[in-house]
PDB file of N, CA and C in Angstrom:
ATOM      1  N   MET A   1       1.531  21.940  24.086  1.00  0.00           N
ATOM      2  CA  MET A   1       2.765  22.542  23.507  1.00  0.00           C
ATOM      3  C   MET A   1       3.542  23.189  24.599  1.00  0.00           C
ATOM      4  N   SER A   2       4.834  22.963  24.688  1.00  0.00           N
ATOM      5  CA  SER A   2       5.645  23.610  25.787  1.00  0.00           C
ATOM      6  C   SER A   2       5.726  25.089  25.492  1.00  0.00           C
ATOM      7  N   ASN A   3       5.997  25.890  26.532  1.00  0.00           N
ATOM      8  CA  ASN A   3       6.136  27.295  26.396  1.00  0.00           C
ATOM      9  C   ASN A   3       7.307  27.679  25.491  1.00  0.00           C
ATOM     10  N   ARG A   4       8.408  26.842  25.604  1.00  0.00           N
ATOM     11  CA  ARG A   4       9.628  27.131  24.766  1.00  0.00           C
ATOM     12  C   ARG A   4       9.191  27.010  23.240  1.00  0.00           C
ATOM     13  N   ILE A   5       8.458  26.055  22.913  1.00  0.00           N
ATOM     14  CA  ILE A   5       8.045  25.920  21.477  1.00  0.00           C
ATOM     15  C   ILE A   5       7.031  26.944  21.139  1.00  0.00           C
ATOM     16  N   ARG A   6       6.065  27.191  22.025  1.00  0.00           N
ATOM     17  CA  ARG A   6       4.994  28.196  21.772  1.00  0.00           C
ATOM     18  C   ARG A   6       5.598  29.559  21.469  1.00  0.00           C
ATOM     19  N   ASN A   7       6.716  29.905  22.234  1.00  0.00           N
ATOM     20  CA  ASN A   7       7.286  31.218  22.038  1.00  0.00           C
ATOM     21  C   ASN A   7       8.038  31.325  20.685  1.00  0.00           C
ATOM     22  N   ASN A   8       8.316  30.174  20.077  1.00  0.00           N
ATOM     23  CA  ASN A   8       8.997  30.156  18.778  1.00  0.00           C
ATOM     24  C   ASN A   8       8.107  29.923  17.614  1.00  0.00           C
ATOM     25  N   VAL A   9       6.794  29.868  17.806  1.00  0.00           N
ATOM     26  CA  VAL A   9       5.879  29.644  16.698  1.00  0.00           C
ATOM     27  C   VAL A   9       5.753  30.901  15.909  1.00  0.00           C
ATOM     28  N   ILE A  10       6.066  30.805  14.651  1.00  0.00           N
ATOM     29  CA  ILE A  10       5.970  31.969  13.753  1.00  0.00           C
ATOM     30  C   ILE A  10       4.506  32.124  13.199  1.00  0.00           C
ATOM     31  N   ALA A  11       3.968  30.947  12.810  1.00  0.00           N
ATOM     32  CA  ALA A  11       2.597  30.978  12.213  1.00  0.00           C
ATOM     33  C   ALA A  11       1.964  29.562  12.359  1.00  0.00           C
ATOM     34  N   PHE A  12       0.660  29.548  12.440  1.00  0.00           N
ATOM     35  CA  PHE A  12      -0.091  28.306  12.395  1.00  0.00           C
ATOM     36  C   PHE A  12      -1.244  28.586  11.374  1.00  0.00           C
ATOM     37  N   GLU A  13      -1.435  27.620  10.411  1.00  0.00           N
ATOM     38  CA  GLU A  13      -2.433  27.740   9.361  1.00  0.00           C
ATOM     39  C   GLU A  13      -3.187  26.434   9.196  1.00  0.00           C
ATOM     40  N   PRO A  14      -4.491  26.426   9.599  1.00  0.00           N
ATOM     41  CA  PRO A  14      -5.303  25.328   9.240  1.00  0.00           C
ATOM     42  C   PRO A  14      -5.710  25.511   7.736  1.00  0.00           C
ATOM     43  N   VAL A  15      -5.276  24.578   6.877  1.00  0.00           N
ATOM     44  CA  VAL A  15      -5.600  24.706   5.431  1.00  0.00           C
ATOM     45  C   VAL A  15      -6.991  24.250   5.160  1.00  0.00           C
ATOM     46  N   ASN A  16      -7.314  23.037   5.590  1.00  0.00           N
ATOM     47  CA  ASN A  16      -8.635  22.491   5.517  1.00  0.00           C
ATOM     48  C   ASN A  16      -8.794  21.427   6.551  1.00  0.00           C
ATOM     49  N   GLU A  17      -9.847  20.606   6.487  1.00  0.00           N
ATOM     50  CA  GLU A  17     -10.090  19.624   7.540  1.00  0.00           C
ATOM     51  C   GLU A  17      -9.129  18.509   7.542  1.00  0.00           C
ATOM     52  N   ARG A  18      -8.232  18.407   6.522  1.00  0.00           N
ATOM     53  CA  ARG A  18      -7.290  17.321   6.477  1.00  0.00           C
ATOM     54  C   ARG A  18      -5.849  17.789   6.556  1.00  0.00           C
ATOM     55  N   ILE A  19      -5.550  19.105   6.398  1.00  0.00           N
ATOM     56  CA  ILE A  19      -4.176  19.586   6.268  1.00  0.00           C
ATOM     57  C   ILE A  19      -4.015  20.871   7.145  1.00  0.00           C
ATOM     58  N   SER A  20      -2.932  20.924   7.925  1.00  0.00           N
ATOM     59  CA  SER A  20      -2.631  22.203   8.678  1.00  0.00           C
ATOM     60  C   SER A  20      -1.096  22.294   8.681  1.00  0.00           C
ATOM     61  N   LYS A  21      -0.609  23.592   8.839  1.00  0.00           N
ATOM     62  CA  LYS A  21       0.816  23.877   8.922  1.00  0.00           C
ATOM     63  C   LYS A  21       1.120  24.656  10.131  1.00  0.00           C
ATOM     64  N   ILE A  22       2.332  24.417  10.615  1.00  0.00           N
ATOM     65  CA  ILE A  22       2.899  25.273  11.624  1.00  0.00           C
ATOM     66  C   ILE A  22       4.339  25.569  11.301  1.00  0.00           C
ATOM     67  N   ARG A  23       4.756  26.799  11.466  1.00  0.00           N
ATOM     68  CA  ARG A  23       6.110  27.258  11.195  1.00  0.00           C
ATOM     69  C   ARG A  23       6.746  27.646  12.512  1.00  0.00           C
ATOM     70  N   ILE A  24       7.941  27.075  12.725  1.00  0.00           N
ATOM     71  CA  ILE A  24       8.620  27.260  14.074  1.00  0.00           C
ATOM     72  C   ILE A  24      10.024  27.885  13.798  1.00  0.00           C
ATOM     73  N   LYS A  25      10.349  28.911  14.588  1.00  0.00           N
ATOM     74  CA  LYS A  25      11.645  29.562  14.491  1.00  0.00           C
ATOM     75  C   LYS A  25      12.674  28.629  15.039  1.00  0.00           C
ATOM     76  N   GLY A  26      13.755  28.446  14.289  1.00  0.00           N
ATOM     77  CA  GLY A  26      14.852  27.574  14.738  1.00  0.00           C
ATOM     78  C   GLY A  26      16.132  28.339  15.034  1.00  0.00           C
ATOM     79  N   LYS A  27      17.082  27.723  15.582  1.00  0.00           N
ATOM     80  CA  LYS A  27      18.297  28.419  15.939  1.00  0.00           C
ATOM     81  C   LYS A  27      19.037  28.811  14.696  1.00  0.00           C
ATOM     82  N   PHE A  28      19.149  27.933  13.742  1.00  0.00           N
ATOM     83  CA  PHE A  28      19.920  28.183  12.458  1.00  0.00           C
ATOM     84  C   PHE A  28      18.996  28.372  11.275  1.00  0.00           C
ATOM     85  N   GLN A  29      17.843  27.646  11.259  1.00  0.00           N
ATOM     86  CA  GLN A  29      16.875  27.849  10.259  1.00  0.00           C
ATOM     87  C   GLN A  29      15.520  27.455  10.745  1.00  0.00           C
ATOM     88  N   ASN A  30      14.453  28.008  10.097  1.00  0.00           N
ATOM     89  CA  ASN A  30      13.101  27.762  10.534  1.00  0.00           C
ATOM     90  C   ASN A  30      12.656  26.364  10.042  1.00  0.00           C
ATOM     91  N   MET A  31      11.591  25.882  10.616  1.00  0.00           N
ATOM     92  CA  MET A  31      11.014  24.531  10.297  1.00  0.00           C
ATOM     93  C   MET A  31       9.563  24.703  10.057  1.00  0.00           C
ATOM     94  N   THR A  32       9.068  24.045   9.053  1.00  0.00           N
ATOM     95  CA  THR A  32       7.620  23.989   8.780  1.00  0.00           C
ATOM     96  C   THR A  32       7.168  22.606   8.801  1.00  0.00           C
ATOM     97  N   LEU A  33       6.122  22.303   9.693  1.00  0.00           N
ATOM     98  CA  LEU A  33       5.590  20.974   9.825  1.00  0.00           C
ATOM     99  C   LEU A  33       4.163  21.007   9.130  1.00  0.00           C
ATOM    100  N   ILE A  34       3.943  20.095   8.322  1.00  0.00           N
ATOM    101  CA  ILE A  34       2.593  19.925   7.729  1.00  0.00           C
ATOM    102  C   ILE A  34       2.007  18.647   8.338  1.00  0.00           C
ATOM    103  N   THR A  35       0.825  18.702   8.871  1.00  0.00           N
ATOM    104  CA  THR A  35       0.067  17.527   9.298  1.00  0.00           C
ATOM    105  C   THR A  35      -0.965  17.234   8.250  1.00  0.00           C
ATOM    106  N   ALA A  36      -1.007  16.026   7.724  1.00  0.00           N
ATOM    107  CA  ALA A  36      -1.891  15.652   6.668  1.00  0.00           C
ATOM    108  C   ALA A  36      -2.507  14.335   6.910  1.00  0.00           C
ATOM    109  N   HIS A  37      -3.830  14.198   6.670  1.00  0.00           N
ATOM    110  CA  HIS A  37      -4.507  12.942   6.898  1.00  0.00           C
ATOM    111  C   HIS A  37      -5.270  12.681   5.533  1.00  0.00           C
ATOM    112  N   ALA A  38      -4.715  11.755   4.772  1.00  0.00           N
ATOM    113  CA  ALA A  38      -5.181  11.476   3.384  1.00  0.00           C
ATOM    114  C   ALA A  38      -6.513  10.775   3.459  1.00  0.00           C
ATOM    115  N   PRO A  39      -7.329  10.937   2.442  1.00  0.00           N
ATOM    116  CA  PRO A  39      -8.569  10.152   2.323  1.00  0.00           C
ATOM    117  C   PRO A  39      -8.203   8.680   2.094  1.00  0.00           C
ATOM    118  N   THR A  40      -9.054   7.793   2.633  1.00  0.00           N
ATOM    119  CA  THR A  40      -8.834   6.343   2.467  1.00  0.00           C
ATOM    120  C   THR A  40      -9.070   5.943   1.044  1.00  0.00           C
ATOM    121  N   GLU A  41      -8.675   4.755   0.759  1.00  0.00           N
ATOM    122  CA  GLU A  41      -8.793   4.234  -0.596  1.00  0.00           C
ATOM    123  C   GLU A  41     -10.186   4.180  -1.113  1.00  0.00           C
ATOM    124  N   GLU A  42     -11.181   4.020  -0.254  1.00  0.00           N
ATOM    125  CA  GLU A  42     -12.555   3.888  -0.660  1.00  0.00           C
ATOM    126  C   GLU A  42     -13.190   5.254  -1.056  1.00  0.00           C
ATOM    127  N   LYS A  43     -12.485   6.356  -0.814  1.00  0.00           N
ATOM    128  CA  LYS A  43     -13.125   7.645  -1.161  1.00  0.00           C
ATOM    129  C   LYS A  43     -13.039   7.863  -2.665  1.00  0.00           C
ATOM    130  N   GLU A  44     -13.778   8.845  -3.115  1.00  0.00           N
ATOM    131  CA  GLU A  44     -13.813   9.147  -4.563  1.00  0.00           C
ATOM    132  C   GLU A  44     -12.466   9.556  -5.062  1.00  0.00           C
ATOM    133  N   GLU A  45     -12.150   9.205  -6.305  1.00  0.00           N
ATOM    134  CA  GLU A  45     -10.844   9.518  -6.915  1.00  0.00           C
ATOM    135  C   GLU A  45     -10.601  11.068  -6.915  1.00  0.00           C
ATOM    136  N   ARG A  46     -11.639  11.804  -7.173  1.00  0.00           N
ATOM    137  CA  ARG A  46     -11.517  13.276  -7.271  1.00  0.00           C
ATOM    138  C   ARG A  46     -11.182  13.849  -5.887  1.00  0.00           C
ATOM    139  N   GLU A  47     -11.694  13.268  -4.782  1.00  0.00           N
ATOM    140  CA  GLU A  47     -11.356  13.756  -3.436  1.00  0.00           C
ATOM    141  C   GLU A  47      -9.858  13.410  -3.172  1.00  0.00           C
ATOM    142  N   LYS A  48      -9.389  12.290  -3.515  1.00  0.00           N
ATOM    143  CA  LYS A  48      -8.035  11.931  -3.307  1.00  0.00           C
ATOM    144  C   LYS A  48      -7.047  12.701  -4.107  1.00  0.00           C
ATOM    145  N   GLU A  49      -7.348  12.993  -5.367  1.00  0.00           N
ATOM    146  CA  GLU A  49      -6.526  13.821  -6.163  1.00  0.00           C
ATOM    147  C   GLU A  49      -6.484  15.234  -5.640  1.00  0.00           C
ATOM    148  N   GLY A  50      -7.647  15.789  -5.254  1.00  0.00           N
ATOM    149  CA  GLY A  50      -7.691  17.086  -4.641  1.00  0.00           C
ATOM    150  C   GLY A  50      -6.835  17.213  -3.382  1.00  0.00           C
ATOM    151  N   PHE A  51      -6.872  16.196  -2.591  1.00  0.00           N
ATOM    152  CA  PHE A  51      -6.104  16.227  -1.368  1.00  0.00           C
ATOM    153  C   PHE A  51      -4.611  16.357  -1.671  1.00  0.00           C
ATOM    154  N   TYR A  52      -4.084  15.494  -2.617  1.00  0.00           N
ATOM    155  CA  TYR A  52      -2.667  15.521  -2.921  1.00  0.00           C
ATOM    156  C   TYR A  52      -2.296  16.796  -3.652  1.00  0.00           C
ATOM    157  N   GLU A  53      -3.166  17.340  -4.491  1.00  0.00           N
ATOM    158  CA  GLU A  53      -2.918  18.614  -5.121  1.00  0.00           C
ATOM    159  C   GLU A  53      -2.724  19.736  -4.096  1.00  0.00           C
ATOM    160  N   THR A  54      -3.661  19.747  -3.162  1.00  0.00           N
ATOM    161  CA  THR A  54      -3.578  20.798  -2.049  1.00  0.00           C
ATOM    162  C   THR A  54      -2.294  20.568  -1.261  1.00  0.00           C
ATOM    163  N   LEU A  55      -1.990  19.372  -0.908  1.00  0.00           N
ATOM    164  CA  LEU A  55      -0.724  19.067  -0.126  1.00  0.00           C
ATOM    165  C   LEU A  55       0.486  19.530  -0.873  1.00  0.00           C
ATOM    166  N   GLU A  56       0.532  19.296  -2.180  1.00  0.00           N
ATOM    167  CA  GLU A  56       1.696  19.734  -2.944  1.00  0.00           C
ATOM    168  C   GLU A  56       1.810  21.237  -3.042  1.00  0.00           C
ATOM    169  N   LYS A  57       0.642  21.861  -3.272  1.00  0.00           N
ATOM    170  CA  LYS A  57       0.608  23.351  -3.335  1.00  0.00           C
ATOM    171  C   LYS A  57       1.031  23.951  -2.003  1.00  0.00           C
ATOM    172  N   GLU A  58       0.594  23.447  -0.840  1.00  0.00           N
ATOM    173  CA  GLU A  58       1.033  23.949   0.391  1.00  0.00           C
ATOM    174  C   GLU A  58       2.495  23.712   0.675  1.00  0.00           C
ATOM    175  N   TYR A  59       2.992  22.497   0.259  1.00  0.00           N
ATOM    176  CA  TYR A  59       4.438  22.240   0.372  1.00  0.00           C
ATOM    177  C   TYR A  59       5.260  23.221  -0.385  1.00  0.00           C
ATOM    178  N   GLU A  60       4.818  23.573  -1.642  1.00  0.00           N
ATOM    179  CA  GLU A  60       5.605  24.507  -2.440  1.00  0.00           C
ATOM    180  C   GLU A  60       5.566  25.927  -1.915  1.00  0.00           C
ATOM    181  N   ARG A  61       4.541  26.263  -1.095  1.00  0.00           N
ATOM    182  CA  ARG A  61       4.419  27.574  -0.516  1.00  0.00           C
ATOM    183  C   ARG A  61       5.353  27.826   0.678  1.00  0.00           C
ATOM    184  N   ILE A  62       5.962  26.721   1.237  1.00  0.00           N
ATOM    185  CA  ILE A  62       6.886  26.844   2.319  1.00  0.00           C
ATOM    186  C   ILE A  62       8.117  27.584   1.858  1.00  0.00           C
ATOM    187  N   PRO A  63       8.623  28.507   2.695  1.00  0.00           N
ATOM    188  CA  PRO A  63       9.848  29.225   2.294  1.00  0.00           C
ATOM    189  C   PRO A  63      10.983  28.227   1.925  1.00  0.00           C
ATOM    190  N   LYS A  64      11.794  28.629   0.959  1.00  0.00           N
ATOM    191  CA  LYS A  64      12.789  27.793   0.348  1.00  0.00           C
ATOM    192  C   LYS A  64      13.799  27.142   1.383  1.00  0.00           C
ATOM    193  N   PHE A  65      14.199  27.949   2.351  1.00  0.00           N
ATOM    194  CA  PHE A  65      15.282  27.477   3.297  1.00  0.00           C
ATOM    195  C   PHE A  65      14.771  26.847   4.552  1.00  0.00           C
ATOM    196  N   ASP A  66      13.488  26.750   4.703  1.00  0.00           N
ATOM    197  CA  ASP A  66      12.916  26.047   5.902  1.00  0.00           C
ATOM    198  C   ASP A  66      13.168  24.533   5.780  1.00  0.00           C
ATOM    199  N   THR A  67      13.313  23.943   6.893  1.00  0.00           N
ATOM    200  CA  THR A  67      13.269  22.444   6.969  1.00  0.00           C
ATOM    201  C   THR A  67      11.804  22.095   6.896  1.00  0.00           C
ATOM    202  N   LYS A  68      11.544  21.099   5.994  1.00  0.00           N
ATOM    203  CA  LYS A  68      10.101  20.732   5.779  1.00  0.00           C
ATOM    204  C   LYS A  68       9.881  19.348   6.197  1.00  0.00           C
ATOM    205  N   ILE A  69       8.787  19.108   7.002  1.00  0.00           N
ATOM    206  CA  ILE A  69       8.487  17.817   7.513  1.00  0.00           C
ATOM    207  C   ILE A  69       6.990  17.674   7.340  1.00  0.00           C
ATOM    208  N   ILE A  70       6.620  16.474   6.728  1.00  0.00           N
ATOM    209  CA  ILE A  70       5.171  16.153   6.558  1.00  0.00           C
ATOM    210  C   ILE A  70       4.895  14.994   7.529  1.00  0.00           C
ATOM    211  N   LEU A  71       3.855  15.200   8.353  1.00  0.00           N
ATOM    212  CA  LEU A  71       3.410  14.212   9.300  1.00  0.00           C
ATOM    213  C   LEU A  71       2.012  13.796   9.060  1.00  0.00           C
ATOM    214  N   GLY A  72       1.629  12.662   9.470  1.00  0.00           N
ATOM    215  CA  GLY A  72       0.234  12.249   9.408  1.00  0.00           C
ATOM    216  C   GLY A  72      -0.026  10.870   8.863  1.00  0.00           C
ATOM    217  N   GLY A  73      -1.319  10.616   8.525  1.00  0.00           N
ATOM    218  CA  GLY A  73      -1.684   9.344   7.989  1.00  0.00           C
ATOM    219  C   GLY A  73      -1.915   9.472   6.494  1.00  0.00           C
ATOM    220  N   MET A  74      -1.077   8.810   5.711  1.00  0.00           N
ATOM    221  CA  MET A  74      -1.227   8.778   4.294  1.00  0.00           C
ATOM    222  C   MET A  74      -2.036   7.613   3.820  1.00  0.00           C
ATOM    223  N   ASN A  75      -3.294   7.701   3.936  1.00  0.00           N
ATOM    224  CA  ASN A  75      -4.270   6.625   3.520  1.00  0.00           C
ATOM    225  C   ASN A  75      -4.477   5.618   4.625  1.00  0.00           C
ATOM    226  N   ALA A  76      -4.424   6.065   5.835  1.00  0.00           N
ATOM    227  CA  ALA A  76      -4.704   5.158   6.953  1.00  0.00           C
ATOM    228  C   ALA A  76      -6.197   5.024   7.151  1.00  0.00           C
ATOM    229  N   GLN A  77      -6.635   3.898   7.759  1.00  0.00           N
ATOM    230  CA  GLN A  77      -8.041   3.723   8.018  1.00  0.00           C
ATOM    231  C   GLN A  77      -8.159   3.247   9.420  1.00  0.00           C
ATOM    232  N   ILE A  78      -9.034   3.886  10.212  1.00  0.00           N
ATOM    233  CA  ILE A  78      -9.200   3.574  11.619  1.00  0.00           C
ATOM    234  C   ILE A  78     -10.415   2.789  11.751  1.00  0.00           C
ATOM    235  N   GLY A  79     -10.420   1.810  12.645  1.00  0.00           N
ATOM    236  CA  GLY A  79     -11.606   1.045  12.930  1.00  0.00           C
ATOM    237  C   GLY A  79     -11.302  -0.488  12.803  1.00  0.00           C
ATOM    238  N   ARG A  80     -12.342  -1.210  12.976  1.00  0.00           N
ATOM    239  CA  ARG A  80     -12.227  -2.693  12.980  1.00  0.00           C
ATOM    240  C   ARG A  80     -12.279  -3.194  11.516  1.00  0.00           C
ATOM    241  N   GLU A  81     -11.369  -4.100  11.242  1.00  0.00           N
ATOM    242  CA  GLU A  81     -11.379  -4.652   9.869  1.00  0.00           C
ATOM    243  C   GLU A  81     -12.461  -5.802   9.839  1.00  0.00           C
ATOM    244  N   GLU A  82     -13.194  -5.782   8.790  1.00  0.00           N
ATOM    245  CA  GLU A  82     -14.238  -6.739   8.563  1.00  0.00           C
ATOM    246  C   GLU A  82     -13.653  -7.889   7.704  1.00  0.00           C
ATOM    247  N   PHE A  83     -13.929  -9.090   8.159  1.00  0.00           N
ATOM    248  CA  PHE A  83     -13.427 -10.288   7.401  1.00  0.00           C
ATOM    249  C   PHE A  83     -14.620 -10.860   6.618  1.00  0.00           C
ATOM    250  N   HIS A  84     -14.333 -11.152   5.394  1.00  0.00           N
ATOM    251  CA  HIS A  84     -15.329 -11.718   4.506  1.00  0.00           C
ATOM    252  C   HIS A  84     -14.941 -13.124   4.158  1.00  0.00           C
ATOM    253  N   GLU A  85     -15.933 -14.054   4.113  1.00  0.00           N
ATOM    254  CA  GLU A  85     -15.629 -15.417   3.787  1.00  0.00           C
ATOM    255  C   GLU A  85     -15.841 -15.641   2.308  1.00  0.00           C
TER     256      GLU A  85
END
């Protein structure tokens, strides 16, 4: 992270192993970035629902006038794809 941005960081909050937030002071308004990495389709339904509930709750906690940006993998899967005949 550049020093210019580091000096403008208001807060950083790791929410859990899949979600974190950083709030940055802007010239005209502040910005909150949420990084989120959703569980893959093969995970339990309860885990997926919990992830999206937590993401929504954290989004709603962002101050009203902040610019809000969500970044990350929403159900991405890393690795080699297996082909079945």
